[in-house]
Amino acid sequence: MALVLGAALLGVGALIAVPPLLIGLVHALGWGAAGVVGGSFAALIQTPFTAAGSLFAILQSVGATSAAVGVGGILQAIAGVGMGIVGVFAALFGA
């Protein structure tokens, strides 16, 4: 039973934590709401031949349409990671 509870908490925790972490990573790498940020990793790999539907274009779409990760997103990620940690302990130690 503890293993099932642990796996469930870990899975839900990942579902809660991953979206704000990925959005934050996309923004940190230079795909922003106003376009590619100059001097960023995204700017480094951008070419005039970037095709629609490419990974670069998808990341730009995410960066442009997702809100910056604020306090709510950070708290969401912390809660998700916390649930994951509780899940691991429950699975390992039979809470």
C-alpha atoms as a PDB file:
ATOM      1  CA  MET A   1       0.000   0.000   0.000  1.00  0.00           C
ATOM      2  CA  ALA A   2       2.821   2.396   0.846  1.00  0.00           C
ATOM      3  CA  LEU A   3       4.378   1.817  -2.583  1.00  0.00           C
ATOM      4  CA  VAL A   4       1.108   2.727  -4.327  1.00  0.00           C
ATOM      5  CA  LEU A   5       0.687   5.832  -2.160  1.00  0.00           C
ATOM      6  CA  GLY A   6       4.302   6.825  -2.766  1.00  0.00           C
ATOM      7  CA  ALA A   7       3.999   6.373  -6.517  1.00  0.00           C
ATOM      8  CA  ALA A   8       0.751   8.355  -6.587  1.00  0.00           C
ATOM      9  CA  LEU A   9       2.254  11.238  -4.610  1.00  0.00           C
ATOM     10  CA  LEU A  10       5.362  11.214  -6.780  1.00  0.00           C
ATOM     11  CA  GLY A  11       3.272  11.255  -9.974  1.00  0.00           C
ATOM     12  CA  VAL A  12       0.968  14.043  -8.809  1.00  0.00           C
ATOM     13  CA  GLY A  13       3.946  15.990  -7.523  1.00  0.00           C
ATOM     14  CA  ALA A  14       5.612  15.743 -10.934  1.00  0.00           C
ATOM     15  CA  LEU A  15       2.432  16.885 -12.686  1.00  0.00           C
ATOM     16  CA  ILE A  16       2.294  19.911 -10.399  1.00  0.00           C
ATOM     17  CA  ALA A  17       6.000  20.803 -10.496  1.00  0.00           C
ATOM     18  CA  VAL A  18       6.991  20.260 -14.124  1.00  0.00           C
ATOM     19  CA  PRO A  19       4.981  22.946 -16.000  1.00  0.00           C
ATOM     20  CA  PRO A  20       6.308  26.010 -14.127  1.00  0.00           C
ATOM     21  CA  LEU A  21       9.823  24.553 -14.142  1.00  0.00           C
ATOM     22  CA  LEU A  22       9.749  24.030 -17.920  1.00  0.00           C
ATOM     23  CA  ILE A  23       8.286  27.474 -18.590  1.00  0.00           C
ATOM     24  CA  GLY A  24      10.953  29.021 -16.384  1.00  0.00           C
ATOM     25  CA  LEU A  25      13.648  27.082 -18.251  1.00  0.00           C
ATOM     26  CA  VAL A  26      12.314  28.174 -21.663  1.00  0.00           C
ATOM     27  CA  HIS A  27      12.353  31.809 -20.529  1.00  0.00           C
ATOM     28  CA  ALA A  28      15.794  31.471 -18.934  1.00  0.00           C
ATOM     29  CA  LEU A  29      17.212  30.108 -22.198  1.00  0.00           C
ATOM     30  CA  GLY A  30      16.014  33.201 -24.058  1.00  0.00           C
ATOM     31  CA  TRP A  31      12.601  32.485 -25.555  1.00  0.00           C
ATOM     32  CA  GLY A  32      10.611  35.407 -24.181  1.00  0.00           C
ATOM     33  CA  ALA A  33       7.235  37.062 -24.506  1.00  0.00           C
ATOM     34  CA  ALA A  34       8.667  39.727 -26.834  1.00  0.00           C
ATOM     35  CA  GLY A  35      10.686  37.267 -28.919  1.00  0.00           C
ATOM     36  CA  VAL A  36      14.175  35.866 -28.702  1.00  0.00           C
ATOM     37  CA  VAL A  37      16.311  37.671 -26.123  1.00  0.00           C
ATOM     38  CA  GLY A  38      19.545  39.061 -27.558  1.00  0.00           C
ATOM     39  CA  GLY A  39      22.713  37.359 -26.338  1.00  0.00           C
ATOM     40  CA  SER A  40      20.812  34.332 -25.015  1.00  0.00           C
ATOM     41  CA  PHE A  41      21.167  30.657 -25.893  1.00  0.00           C
ATOM     42  CA  ALA A  42      18.079  30.978 -28.097  1.00  0.00           C
ATOM     43  CA  ALA A  43      19.709  33.833 -30.008  1.00  0.00           C
ATOM     44  CA  LEU A  44      22.870  31.781 -30.401  1.00  0.00           C
ATOM     45  CA  ILE A  45      21.081  28.906 -32.136  1.00  0.00           C
ATOM     46  CA  GLN A  46      18.561  30.952 -34.124  1.00  0.00           C
ATOM     47  CA  THR A  47      19.142  31.025 -37.871  1.00  0.00           C
ATOM     48  CA  PRO A  48      17.383  32.754 -40.762  1.00  0.00           C
ATOM     49  CA  PHE A  49      16.327  29.280 -41.878  1.00  0.00           C
ATOM     50  CA  THR A  50      14.425  28.351 -38.709  1.00  0.00           C
ATOM     51  CA  ALA A  51      11.419  26.423 -39.990  1.00  0.00           C
ATOM     52  CA  ALA A  52       7.848  26.708 -38.779  1.00  0.00           C
ATOM     53  CA  GLY A  53       7.014  23.723 -36.618  1.00  0.00           C
ATOM     54  CA  SER A  54      10.636  23.144 -35.615  1.00  0.00           C
ATOM     55  CA  LEU A  55      11.653  22.701 -31.987  1.00  0.00           C
ATOM     56  CA  PHE A  56      12.968  26.274 -32.011  1.00  0.00           C
ATOM     57  CA  ALA A  57       9.597  27.579 -33.250  1.00  0.00           C
ATOM     58  CA  ILE A  58       7.712  25.532 -30.663  1.00  0.00           C
ATOM     59  CA  LEU A  59       9.907  26.863 -27.841  1.00  0.00           C
ATOM     60  CA  GLN A  60       9.384  30.411 -29.111  1.00  0.00           C
ATOM     61  CA  SER A  61       5.638  29.834 -29.096  1.00  0.00           C
ATOM     62  CA  VAL A  62       5.812  28.593 -25.505  1.00  0.00           C
ATOM     63  CA  GLY A  63       7.994  31.537 -24.485  1.00  0.00           C
ATOM     64  CA  ALA A  64       5.738  34.073 -26.152  1.00  0.00           C
ATOM     65  CA  THR A  65       2.416  32.724 -24.940  1.00  0.00           C
ATOM     66  CA  SER A  66       3.189  31.584 -21.394  1.00  0.00           C
ATOM     67  CA  ALA A  67       3.313  33.996 -18.530  1.00  0.00           C
ATOM     68  CA  ALA A  68       6.555  34.394 -16.676  1.00  0.00           C
ATOM     69  CA  VAL A  69       6.789  32.105 -13.690  1.00  0.00           C
ATOM     70  CA  GLY A  70       5.886  34.245 -10.712  1.00  0.00           C
ATOM     71  CA  VAL A  71       5.511  33.519  -7.045  1.00  0.00           C
ATOM     72  CA  GLY A  72       2.516  31.255  -7.704  1.00  0.00           C
ATOM     73  CA  GLY A  73       4.488  29.143 -10.165  1.00  0.00           C
ATOM     74  CA  ILE A  74       7.429  28.903  -7.812  1.00  0.00           C
ATOM     75  CA  LEU A  75       5.155  27.821  -4.967  1.00  0.00           C
ATOM     76  CA  GLN A  76       3.508  25.323  -7.315  1.00  0.00           C
ATOM     77  CA  ALA A  77       6.888  23.825  -8.189  1.00  0.00           C
ATOM     78  CA  ILE A  78       7.919  23.665  -4.533  1.00  0.00           C
ATOM     79  CA  ALA A  79       4.637  21.949  -3.626  1.00  0.00           C
ATOM     80  CA  GLY A  80       5.087  19.427  -6.411  1.00  0.00           C
ATOM     81  CA  VAL A  81       8.656  18.629  -5.436  1.00  0.00           C
ATOM     82  CA  GLY A  82       7.557  18.339  -1.800  1.00  0.00           C
ATOM     83  CA  MET A  83       4.825  15.884  -2.757  1.00  0.00           C
ATOM     84  CA  GLY A  84       7.384  13.900  -4.729  1.00  0.00           C
ATOM     85  CA  ILE A  85       9.732  13.740  -1.748  1.00  0.00           C
ATOM     86  CA  VAL A  86       6.903  12.603   0.519  1.00  0.00           C
ATOM     87  CA  GLY A  87       6.011   9.999  -2.099  1.00  0.00           C
ATOM     88  CA  VAL A  88       9.537   8.627  -2.196  1.00  0.00           C
ATOM     89  CA  PHE A  89       9.721   8.425   1.602  1.00  0.00           C
ATOM     90  CA  ALA A  90       6.305   6.743   1.754  1.00  0.00           C
ATOM     91  CA  ALA A  91       7.423   4.156  -0.776  1.00  0.00           C
ATOM     92  CA  LEU A  92      10.763   3.526   0.884  1.00  0.00           C
ATOM     93  CA  PHE A  93       9.743   3.559   4.513  1.00  0.00           C
ATOM     94  CA  GLY A  94       6.114   2.408   4.350  1.00  0.00           C
ATOM     95  CA  ALA A  95       4.378   5.461   5.756  1.00  0.00           C
END
